[in-house]
């Protein structure tokens, strides 16, 4: 819970940094950097969408529900699996 709140606070100030913490260095980070440079709010929307997807999938995994479909617009395996590891479904 504390880590989620801290991640949200970091994302409010620097959206690409929040994306880096959950998705790593990849396509999602590059997309977020471009969106943040084009406008501060598009970068926020993308970052919060990735964080919502990550924590939603993480909560589902804790309940025993595993969604094998990829989230639309999310390229990181870590986000798509809710942090259960890269490529494991």
C-alpha atoms as a PDB file:
ATOM      1  CA  UNK A   1       0.000   0.000   0.000  1.00  0.00           C
ATOM      2  CA  UNK A   2       2.783   2.405   0.899  1.00  0.00           C
ATOM      3  CA  UNK A   3       4.659   1.577  -2.308  1.00  0.00           C
ATOM      4  CA  UNK A   4       1.544   2.287  -4.400  1.00  0.00           C
ATOM      5  CA  UNK A   5       1.049   5.670  -2.757  1.00  0.00           C
ATOM      6  CA  UNK A   6       4.717   6.524  -3.203  1.00  0.00           C
ATOM      7  CA  UNK A   7       4.537   5.465  -6.854  1.00  0.00           C
ATOM      8  CA  UNK A   8       1.502   7.699  -7.426  1.00  0.00           C
ATOM      9  CA  UNK A   9       3.271  10.670  -5.842  1.00  0.00           C
ATOM     10  CA  UNK A  10       6.337  10.097  -8.038  1.00  0.00           C
ATOM     11  CA  UNK A  11       4.117   9.778 -11.116  1.00  0.00           C
ATOM     12  CA  UNK A  12       2.374  13.066 -10.360  1.00  0.00           C
ATOM     13  CA  UNK A  13       5.675  14.918 -10.600  1.00  0.00           C
ATOM     14  CA  UNK A  14       7.584  12.842 -13.197  1.00  0.00           C
ATOM     15  CA  UNK A  15       5.347  10.429 -15.168  1.00  0.00           C
ATOM     16  CA  UNK A  16       8.168   8.591 -17.021  1.00  0.00           C
ATOM     17  CA  UNK A  17       9.861   7.750 -13.728  1.00  0.00           C
ATOM     18  CA  UNK A  18       6.701   6.061 -12.456  1.00  0.00           C
ATOM     19  CA  UNK A  19       6.449   4.084 -15.697  1.00  0.00           C
ATOM     20  CA  UNK A  20      10.100   3.069 -15.409  1.00  0.00           C
ATOM     21  CA  UNK A  21       9.522   1.668 -11.918  1.00  0.00           C
ATOM     22  CA  UNK A  22       6.703  -0.661 -13.012  1.00  0.00           C
ATOM     23  CA  UNK A  23       7.499  -1.375 -16.676  1.00  0.00           C
ATOM     24  CA  UNK A  24      11.265  -1.069 -16.868  1.00  0.00           C
ATOM     25  CA  UNK A  25      13.160   0.307 -19.833  1.00  0.00           C
ATOM     26  CA  UNK A  26      11.171  -0.568 -22.930  1.00  0.00           C
ATOM     27  CA  UNK A  27       8.474   0.522 -25.333  1.00  0.00           C
ATOM     28  CA  UNK A  28       6.112   1.726 -22.596  1.00  0.00           C
ATOM     29  CA  UNK A  29       8.779   4.050 -21.214  1.00  0.00           C
ATOM     30  CA  UNK A  30       9.588   5.450 -24.655  1.00  0.00           C
ATOM     31  CA  UNK A  31       5.898   6.040 -25.381  1.00  0.00           C
ATOM     32  CA  UNK A  32       5.459   7.773 -22.047  1.00  0.00           C
ATOM     33  CA  UNK A  33       8.476  10.025 -22.575  1.00  0.00           C
ATOM     34  CA  UNK A  34       7.115  11.068 -25.977  1.00  0.00           C
ATOM     35  CA  UNK A  35       3.640  11.691 -24.566  1.00  0.00           C
ATOM     36  CA  UNK A  36       5.066  13.718 -21.676  1.00  0.00           C
ATOM     37  CA  UNK A  37       7.099  15.839 -24.088  1.00  0.00           C
ATOM     38  CA  UNK A  38       4.043  16.413 -26.289  1.00  0.00           C
ATOM     39  CA  UNK A  39       1.932  17.389 -23.306  1.00  0.00           C
ATOM     40  CA  UNK A  40       2.126  16.861 -19.608  1.00  0.00           C
ATOM     41  CA  UNK A  41      -1.411  15.464 -19.266  1.00  0.00           C
ATOM     42  CA  UNK A  42      -1.133  12.745 -21.946  1.00  0.00           C
ATOM     43  CA  UNK A  43       1.959  11.475 -20.129  1.00  0.00           C
ATOM     44  CA  UNK A  44      -0.012  11.362 -16.885  1.00  0.00           C
ATOM     45  CA  UNK A  45      -2.936   9.537 -18.442  1.00  0.00           C
ATOM     46  CA  UNK A  46      -0.651   6.885 -19.931  1.00  0.00           C
ATOM     47  CA  UNK A  47       1.344   6.472 -16.714  1.00  0.00           C
ATOM     48  CA  UNK A  48      -1.738   6.115 -14.531  1.00  0.00           C
ATOM     49  CA  UNK A  49      -3.268   3.652 -17.016  1.00  0.00           C
ATOM     50  CA  UNK A  50      -0.162   1.471 -16.784  1.00  0.00           C
ATOM     51  CA  UNK A  51      -0.168   1.669 -12.994  1.00  0.00           C
ATOM     52  CA  UNK A  52      -3.871   0.824 -12.813  1.00  0.00           C
ATOM     53  CA  UNK A  53      -3.355  -2.173 -15.098  1.00  0.00           C
ATOM     54  CA  UNK A  54      -0.350  -3.346 -13.078  1.00  0.00           C
ATOM     55  CA  UNK A  55      -2.083  -3.169  -9.682  1.00  0.00           C
ATOM     56  CA  UNK A  56      -5.372  -4.551 -11.037  1.00  0.00           C
ATOM     57  CA  UNK A  57      -3.607  -7.615 -12.454  1.00  0.00           C
ATOM     58  CA  UNK A  58      -1.598  -7.969  -9.249  1.00  0.00           C
ATOM     59  CA  UNK A  59      -4.786  -8.011  -7.141  1.00  0.00           C
ATOM     60  CA  UNK A  60      -6.416 -10.515  -9.492  1.00  0.00           C
ATOM     61  CA  UNK A  61      -3.390 -12.802  -9.209  1.00  0.00           C
ATOM     62  CA  UNK A  62      -3.624 -12.639  -5.410  1.00  0.00           C
ATOM     63  CA  UNK A  63      -7.240 -13.848  -5.680  1.00  0.00           C
ATOM     64  CA  UNK A  64      -6.226 -16.646  -8.035  1.00  0.00           C
ATOM     65  CA  UNK A  65      -7.640 -15.142 -11.220  1.00  0.00           C
ATOM     66  CA  UNK A  66      -5.092 -15.109 -14.055  1.00  0.00           C
ATOM     67  CA  UNK A  67      -5.999 -13.148 -17.188  1.00  0.00           C
ATOM     68  CA  UNK A  68      -3.803 -14.350 -20.047  1.00  0.00           C
ATOM     69  CA  UNK A  69      -4.899 -11.605 -22.441  1.00  0.00           C
ATOM     70  CA  UNK A  70      -2.641  -8.605 -22.897  1.00  0.00           C
ATOM     71  CA  UNK A  71      -4.008  -5.237 -21.881  1.00  0.00           C
ATOM     72  CA  UNK A  72      -4.582  -2.903 -24.832  1.00  0.00           C
ATOM     73  CA  UNK A  73      -1.657  -0.547 -25.369  1.00  0.00           C
ATOM     74  CA  UNK A  74       0.594  -2.203 -22.787  1.00  0.00           C
ATOM     75  CA  UNK A  75       3.835  -3.692 -24.083  1.00  0.00           C
ATOM     76  CA  UNK A  76       5.572  -4.634 -20.831  1.00  0.00           C
ATOM     77  CA  UNK A  77       5.244  -8.234 -19.686  1.00  0.00           C
ATOM     78  CA  UNK A  78       5.720  -7.094 -16.092  1.00  0.00           C
ATOM     79  CA  UNK A  79       2.632  -4.878 -16.288  1.00  0.00           C
ATOM     80  CA  UNK A  80       0.569  -7.455 -18.199  1.00  0.00           C
ATOM     81  CA  UNK A  81       1.286 -10.161 -15.619  1.00  0.00           C
ATOM     82  CA  UNK A  82       0.931  -7.958 -12.546  1.00  0.00           C
ATOM     83  CA  UNK A  83       4.537  -8.415 -11.536  1.00  0.00           C
ATOM     84  CA  UNK A  84       4.444 -12.215 -11.562  1.00  0.00           C
ATOM     85  CA  UNK A  85       7.522 -12.336 -13.755  1.00  0.00           C
ATOM     86  CA  UNK A  86       8.378 -11.725 -17.330  1.00  0.00           C
ATOM     87  CA  UNK A  87       6.561 -13.937 -19.794  1.00  0.00           C
ATOM     88  CA  UNK A  88       4.815 -16.156 -17.238  1.00  0.00           C
ATOM     89  CA  UNK A  89       1.093 -16.463 -17.591  1.00  0.00           C
END
